[in-house]
Amino acid sequence: QVQLVQSGGGLAQPGGSLTLTCSASGFTFRTFPMRWYRRAPGKDREMVAHISPPGTTTRYADSVKGRFTISRDDAINMVYLQMNNLKPEDTATYYCNVFLQDYWGQGTQVTVSS
């Protein structure tokens, strides 16, 4: 069965960095685009970043462009989200997702606070 297992996240100060990872199994990872979403309390879910295989095409929400980087390693079925220059408004639960599929990671809390 499809599994997306996330790790990383936690607490960071404004201006700090965190990295999220998502380990995928149960499907042909290298053929599917992947996404990171986030949901902040009281807000709608937001697409944060998108990456197409083999990783040469990416897309970002305007709110994170220039600060976040999505990447993937098809050899080990991993997708990453490097988050730099974090802001308090980045505080949310982050989820990895198989594009156009109802497969989601378990969610990882990111809190940006001084």
N, C-alpha and C. Protein backbone atom coordinates (compact mmCIF):
# COMPACT_ATOMS: atom_id res chain seq x y z
N GLN A 1 0.83 -1.18 0.00
CA GLN A 1 0.00 0.00 0.00
C GLN A 1 0.88 1.25 0.00
N VAL A 2 0.28 2.34 -0.45
CA VAL A 2 1.03 3.59 -0.51
C VAL A 2 1.27 4.11 0.90
N GLN A 3 2.52 4.50 1.16
CA GLN A 3 2.87 5.12 2.43
C GLN A 3 3.73 6.34 2.16
N LEU A 4 3.42 7.41 2.87
CA LEU A 4 4.24 8.62 2.86
C LEU A 4 4.57 8.93 4.31
N VAL A 5 5.84 8.82 4.66
CA VAL A 5 6.27 8.99 6.04
C VAL A 5 7.14 10.23 6.13
N GLN A 6 6.68 11.19 6.90
CA GLN A 6 7.36 12.47 7.01
C GLN A 6 8.25 12.52 8.23
N SER A 7 9.28 13.35 8.13
CA SER A 7 10.13 13.64 9.29
C SER A 7 10.65 15.06 9.15
N GLY A 8 11.23 15.55 10.22
CA GLY A 8 11.72 16.92 10.23
C GLY A 8 10.72 17.83 10.90
N GLY A 9 10.88 19.11 10.66
CA GLY A 9 9.99 20.09 11.26
C GLY A 9 10.40 20.41 12.68
N GLY A 10 9.49 21.06 13.40
CA GLY A 10 9.76 21.44 14.77
C GLY A 10 9.67 22.94 14.95
N LEU A 11 10.49 23.44 15.88
CA LEU A 11 10.47 24.85 16.24
C LEU A 11 11.69 25.55 15.66
N ALA A 12 11.46 26.70 15.06
CA ALA A 12 12.55 27.51 14.54
C ALA A 12 12.30 28.97 14.88
N GLN A 13 13.37 29.73 14.98
CA GLN A 13 13.24 31.17 15.18
C GLN A 13 13.03 31.86 13.84
N PRO A 14 12.42 33.01 13.83
CA PRO A 14 12.31 33.78 12.57
C PRO A 14 13.70 33.96 11.96
N GLY A 15 13.76 33.73 10.66
CA GLY A 15 15.03 33.78 9.95
C GLY A 15 15.78 32.47 9.93
N GLY A 16 15.28 31.50 10.66
CA GLY A 16 15.95 30.20 10.73
C GLY A 16 15.56 29.28 9.60
N SER A 17 16.06 28.06 9.68
CA SER A 17 15.84 27.07 8.62
C SER A 17 15.39 25.74 9.21
N LEU A 18 14.62 25.03 8.43
CA LEU A 18 14.22 23.66 8.75
C LEU A 18 14.12 22.88 7.45
N THR A 19 14.27 21.57 7.56
CA THR A 19 14.11 20.69 6.41
C THR A 19 13.08 19.62 6.72
N LEU A 20 12.14 19.45 5.82
CA LEU A 20 11.16 18.38 5.91
C LEU A 20 11.53 17.29 4.92
N THR A 21 11.33 16.05 5.31
CA THR A 21 11.55 14.93 4.40
C THR A 21 10.29 14.08 4.34
N CYS A 22 10.12 13.42 3.21
CA CYS A 22 8.98 12.54 2.99
C CYS A 22 9.48 11.29 2.27
N SER A 23 9.35 10.15 2.93
CA SER A 23 9.79 8.89 2.36
C SER A 23 8.57 8.16 1.79
N ALA A 24 8.63 7.83 0.51
CA ALA A 24 7.49 7.25 -0.18
C ALA A 24 7.71 5.77 -0.48
N SER A 25 6.63 5.01 -0.45
CA SER A 25 6.69 3.60 -0.82
C SER A 25 5.32 3.15 -1.30
N GLY A 26 5.31 2.01 -2.02
CA GLY A 26 4.05 1.43 -2.45
C GLY A 26 3.55 1.89 -3.80
N PHE A 27 4.32 2.70 -4.50
CA PHE A 27 3.94 3.13 -5.84
C PHE A 27 5.22 3.49 -6.59
N THR A 28 5.07 3.68 -7.90
CA THR A 28 6.24 3.98 -8.74
C THR A 28 6.57 5.46 -8.59
N PHE A 29 7.33 5.76 -7.57
CA PHE A 29 7.60 7.13 -7.16
C PHE A 29 8.13 7.98 -8.31
N ARG A 30 9.03 7.41 -9.10
CA ARG A 30 9.74 8.22 -10.10
C ARG A 30 8.82 8.73 -11.20
N THR A 31 7.60 8.21 -11.28
CA THR A 31 6.68 8.63 -12.35
C THR A 31 5.66 9.67 -11.89
N PHE A 32 5.65 10.01 -10.59
CA PHE A 32 4.62 10.90 -10.07
C PHE A 32 5.21 12.23 -9.61
N PRO A 33 4.57 13.34 -9.99
CA PRO A 33 4.89 14.61 -9.34
C PRO A 33 4.50 14.53 -7.87
N MET A 34 5.19 15.34 -7.07
CA MET A 34 4.93 15.38 -5.63
C MET A 34 4.72 16.82 -5.20
N ARG A 35 3.99 16.98 -4.11
CA ARG A 35 3.71 18.31 -3.59
C ARG A 35 3.87 18.34 -2.08
N TRP A 36 4.14 19.53 -1.59
CA TRP A 36 4.02 19.85 -0.18
C TRP A 36 2.87 20.86 -0.03
N TYR A 37 2.03 20.57 0.94
CA TYR A 37 0.95 21.48 1.32
C TYR A 37 1.15 21.88 2.78
N ARG A 38 0.43 22.91 3.18
CA ARG A 38 0.40 23.27 4.59
C ARG A 38 -0.99 23.77 4.96
N ARG A 39 -1.29 23.62 6.24
CA ARG A 39 -2.55 24.14 6.76
C ARG A 39 -2.25 24.82 8.10
N ALA A 40 -2.54 26.09 8.13
CA ALA A 40 -2.39 26.86 9.37
C ALA A 40 -3.73 26.90 10.09
N PRO A 41 -3.72 27.05 11.39
CA PRO A 41 -4.99 27.11 12.14
C PRO A 41 -5.91 28.19 11.60
N GLY A 42 -7.14 27.80 11.32
CA GLY A 42 -8.13 28.75 10.85
C GLY A 42 -8.00 29.15 9.40
N LYS A 43 -7.09 28.50 8.68
CA LYS A 43 -6.88 28.85 7.27
C LYS A 43 -7.10 27.64 6.38
N ASP A 44 -7.31 27.89 5.10
CA ASP A 44 -7.45 26.82 4.12
C ASP A 44 -6.10 26.16 3.85
N ARG A 45 -6.16 24.94 3.37
CA ARG A 45 -4.94 24.26 2.97
C ARG A 45 -4.32 25.01 1.78
N GLU A 46 -3.01 25.12 1.80
CA GLU A 46 -2.28 25.88 0.77
C GLU A 46 -1.23 24.99 0.13
N MET A 47 -1.18 24.98 -1.19
CA MET A 47 -0.10 24.29 -1.89
C MET A 47 1.17 25.13 -1.73
N VAL A 48 2.21 24.51 -1.22
CA VAL A 48 3.46 25.21 -0.96
C VAL A 48 4.45 25.04 -2.10
N ALA A 49 4.61 23.78 -2.55
CA ALA A 49 5.62 23.52 -3.58
C ALA A 49 5.25 22.27 -4.35
N HIS A 50 5.68 22.25 -5.60
CA HIS A 50 5.39 21.14 -6.52
C HIS A 50 6.66 20.77 -7.26
N ILE A 51 6.87 19.48 -7.46
CA ILE A 51 8.02 19.05 -8.23
C ILE A 51 7.62 17.90 -9.14
N SER A 52 7.99 18.02 -10.41
CA SER A 52 7.73 16.96 -11.37
C SER A 52 8.95 16.07 -11.50
N PRO A 53 8.74 14.81 -11.81
CA PRO A 53 9.91 13.95 -12.04
C PRO A 53 10.59 14.36 -13.34
N PRO A 54 11.90 14.28 -13.42
CA PRO A 54 12.84 13.83 -12.40
C PRO A 54 13.35 14.91 -11.47
N GLY A 55 12.65 16.08 -11.45
CA GLY A 55 13.03 17.13 -10.51
C GLY A 55 13.44 18.42 -11.17
N THR A 56 13.32 18.50 -12.49
CA THR A 56 13.76 19.70 -13.19
C THR A 56 12.70 20.79 -13.23
N THR A 57 11.46 20.45 -12.94
CA THR A 57 10.37 21.42 -12.96
C THR A 57 9.79 21.57 -11.56
N THR A 58 9.81 22.78 -11.07
CA THR A 58 9.26 23.05 -9.74
C THR A 58 8.34 24.28 -9.81
N ARG A 59 7.48 24.37 -8.83
CA ARG A 59 6.57 25.51 -8.72
C ARG A 59 6.33 25.79 -7.25
N TYR A 60 6.18 27.07 -6.92
CA TYR A 60 6.04 27.47 -5.52
C TYR A 60 4.90 28.47 -5.33
N ALA A 61 4.34 28.43 -4.15
CA ALA A 61 3.41 29.50 -3.75
C ALA A 61 4.19 30.80 -3.67
N ASP A 62 3.53 31.89 -4.02
CA ASP A 62 4.20 33.20 -3.96
C ASP A 62 4.73 33.49 -2.56
N SER A 63 4.04 32.99 -1.56
CA SER A 63 4.40 33.30 -0.18
C SER A 63 5.73 32.67 0.25
N VAL A 64 6.20 31.66 -0.48
CA VAL A 64 7.44 30.99 -0.09
C VAL A 64 8.52 31.07 -1.16
N LYS A 65 8.18 31.65 -2.30
CA LYS A 65 9.13 31.71 -3.40
C LYS A 65 10.41 32.43 -2.98
N GLY A 66 11.54 31.83 -3.30
CA GLY A 66 12.83 32.41 -2.94
C GLY A 66 13.32 32.00 -1.56
N ARG A 67 12.46 31.37 -0.78
CA ARG A 67 12.83 30.94 0.58
C ARG A 67 12.81 29.44 0.73
N PHE A 68 11.88 28.77 0.07
CA PHE A 68 11.72 27.31 0.17
C PHE A 68 12.23 26.67 -1.11
N THR A 69 12.76 25.45 -0.97
CA THR A 69 13.22 24.68 -2.12
C THR A 69 12.72 23.25 -1.99
N ILE A 70 12.02 22.79 -3.01
CA ILE A 70 11.59 21.39 -3.05
C ILE A 70 12.56 20.61 -3.91
N SER A 71 12.85 19.40 -3.50
CA SER A 71 13.73 18.53 -4.29
C SER A 71 13.30 17.09 -4.10
N ARG A 72 13.84 16.22 -4.92
CA ARG A 72 13.49 14.80 -4.82
C ARG A 72 14.69 13.95 -5.19
N ASP A 73 14.71 12.75 -4.66
CA ASP A 73 15.72 11.76 -5.00
C ASP A 73 14.98 10.50 -5.41
N ASP A 74 14.87 10.29 -6.71
CA ASP A 74 14.09 9.15 -7.20
C ASP A 74 14.79 7.82 -6.93
N ALA A 75 16.07 7.84 -6.63
CA ALA A 75 16.79 6.59 -6.34
C ALA A 75 16.37 6.01 -5.00
N ILE A 76 15.95 6.89 -4.08
CA ILE A 76 15.57 6.41 -2.75
C ILE A 76 14.15 6.82 -2.37
N ASN A 77 13.39 7.28 -3.35
CA ASN A 77 11.96 7.60 -3.14
C ASN A 77 11.75 8.63 -2.03
N MET A 78 12.49 9.72 -2.12
CA MET A 78 12.38 10.76 -1.10
C MET A 78 12.05 12.10 -1.75
N VAL A 79 11.29 12.91 -1.04
CA VAL A 79 11.06 14.29 -1.44
C VAL A 79 11.35 15.16 -0.23
N TYR A 80 11.92 16.33 -0.49
CA TYR A 80 12.40 17.20 0.56
C TYR A 80 11.80 18.61 0.41
N LEU A 81 11.74 19.30 1.53
CA LEU A 81 11.38 20.72 1.51
C LEU A 81 12.36 21.45 2.42
N GLN A 82 13.27 22.19 1.79
CA GLN A 82 14.21 23.01 2.54
C GLN A 82 13.57 24.38 2.73
N MET A 83 13.46 24.78 3.98
CA MET A 83 12.78 26.04 4.32
C MET A 83 13.79 26.98 4.98
N ASN A 84 14.07 28.08 4.30
CA ASN A 84 15.01 29.07 4.81
C ASN A 84 14.29 30.38 5.10
N ASN A 85 14.95 31.22 5.87
CA ASN A 85 14.40 32.53 6.22
C ASN A 85 12.94 32.41 6.67
N LEU A 86 12.74 31.51 7.59
CA LEU A 86 11.38 31.24 8.06
C LEU A 86 10.75 32.45 8.72
N LYS A 87 9.44 32.56 8.55
CA LYS A 87 8.66 33.66 9.12
C LYS A 87 7.57 33.08 10.02
N PRO A 88 7.09 33.86 10.97
CA PRO A 88 6.01 33.35 11.83
C PRO A 88 4.80 32.88 11.04
N GLU A 89 4.54 33.50 9.90
CA GLU A 89 3.38 33.08 9.09
C GLU A 89 3.59 31.75 8.38
N ASP A 90 4.79 31.19 8.48
CA ASP A 90 5.02 29.83 7.95
C ASP A 90 4.57 28.76 8.94
N THR A 91 4.18 29.17 10.13
CA THR A 91 3.71 28.21 11.13
C THR A 91 2.47 27.49 10.62
N ALA A 92 2.56 26.16 10.57
CA ALA A 92 1.48 25.34 10.02
C ALA A 92 1.85 23.87 10.17
N THR A 93 0.89 23.03 9.86
CA THR A 93 1.17 21.61 9.69
C THR A 93 1.41 21.36 8.21
N TYR A 94 2.52 20.72 7.90
CA TYR A 94 2.94 20.49 6.53
C TYR A 94 2.70 19.03 6.15
N TYR A 95 2.25 18.84 4.91
CA TYR A 95 1.92 17.50 4.42
C TYR A 95 2.56 17.26 3.06
N CYS A 96 3.14 16.10 2.86
CA CYS A 96 3.54 15.74 1.50
C CYS A 96 2.39 14.98 0.85
N ASN A 97 2.35 15.04 -0.48
CA ASN A 97 1.21 14.52 -1.23
C ASN A 97 1.66 14.04 -2.59
N VAL A 98 1.06 12.96 -3.04
CA VAL A 98 1.25 12.51 -4.41
C VAL A 98 0.28 13.29 -5.29
N PHE A 99 0.81 14.03 -6.25
CA PHE A 99 0.00 14.92 -7.07
C PHE A 99 -1.18 14.19 -7.71
N LEU A 100 -2.36 14.78 -7.52
CA LEU A 100 -3.62 14.28 -8.07
C LEU A 100 -4.04 12.93 -7.49
N GLN A 101 -3.43 12.53 -6.40
CA GLN A 101 -3.80 11.30 -5.71
C GLN A 101 -4.16 11.65 -4.26
N ASP A 102 -5.03 10.85 -3.70
CA ASP A 102 -5.43 11.09 -2.31
C ASP A 102 -4.51 10.34 -1.35
N TYR A 103 -3.23 10.55 -1.52
CA TYR A 103 -2.22 9.95 -0.65
C TYR A 103 -1.47 11.08 0.04
N TRP A 104 -1.44 11.02 1.37
CA TRP A 104 -0.89 12.10 2.17
C TRP A 104 0.04 11.57 3.25
N GLY A 105 1.04 12.34 3.56
CA GLY A 105 1.84 12.05 4.73
C GLY A 105 1.05 12.33 5.99
N GLN A 106 1.67 11.98 7.12
CA GLN A 106 0.95 12.09 8.39
C GLN A 106 0.90 13.52 8.92
N GLY A 107 1.66 14.41 8.32
CA GLY A 107 1.69 15.79 8.77
C GLY A 107 2.83 16.04 9.73
N THR A 108 3.45 17.20 9.59
CA THR A 108 4.57 17.60 10.44
C THR A 108 4.35 19.05 10.88
N GLN A 109 4.44 19.28 12.14
CA GLN A 109 4.22 20.64 12.65
C GLN A 109 5.49 21.46 12.50
N VAL A 110 5.34 22.64 11.95
CA VAL A 110 6.41 23.64 11.89
C VAL A 110 5.93 24.87 12.63
N THR A 111 6.70 25.29 13.61
CA THR A 111 6.37 26.48 14.39
C THR A 111 7.53 27.45 14.32
N VAL A 112 7.22 28.66 13.90
CA VAL A 112 8.25 29.70 13.79
C VAL A 112 7.91 30.78 14.82
N SER A 113 8.78 30.89 15.79
CA SER A 113 8.50 31.82 16.89
C SER A 113 9.80 32.17 17.60
N SER A 114 9.87 33.37 18.10
CA SER A 114 11.03 33.79 18.89
C SER A 114 10.77 33.55 20.38
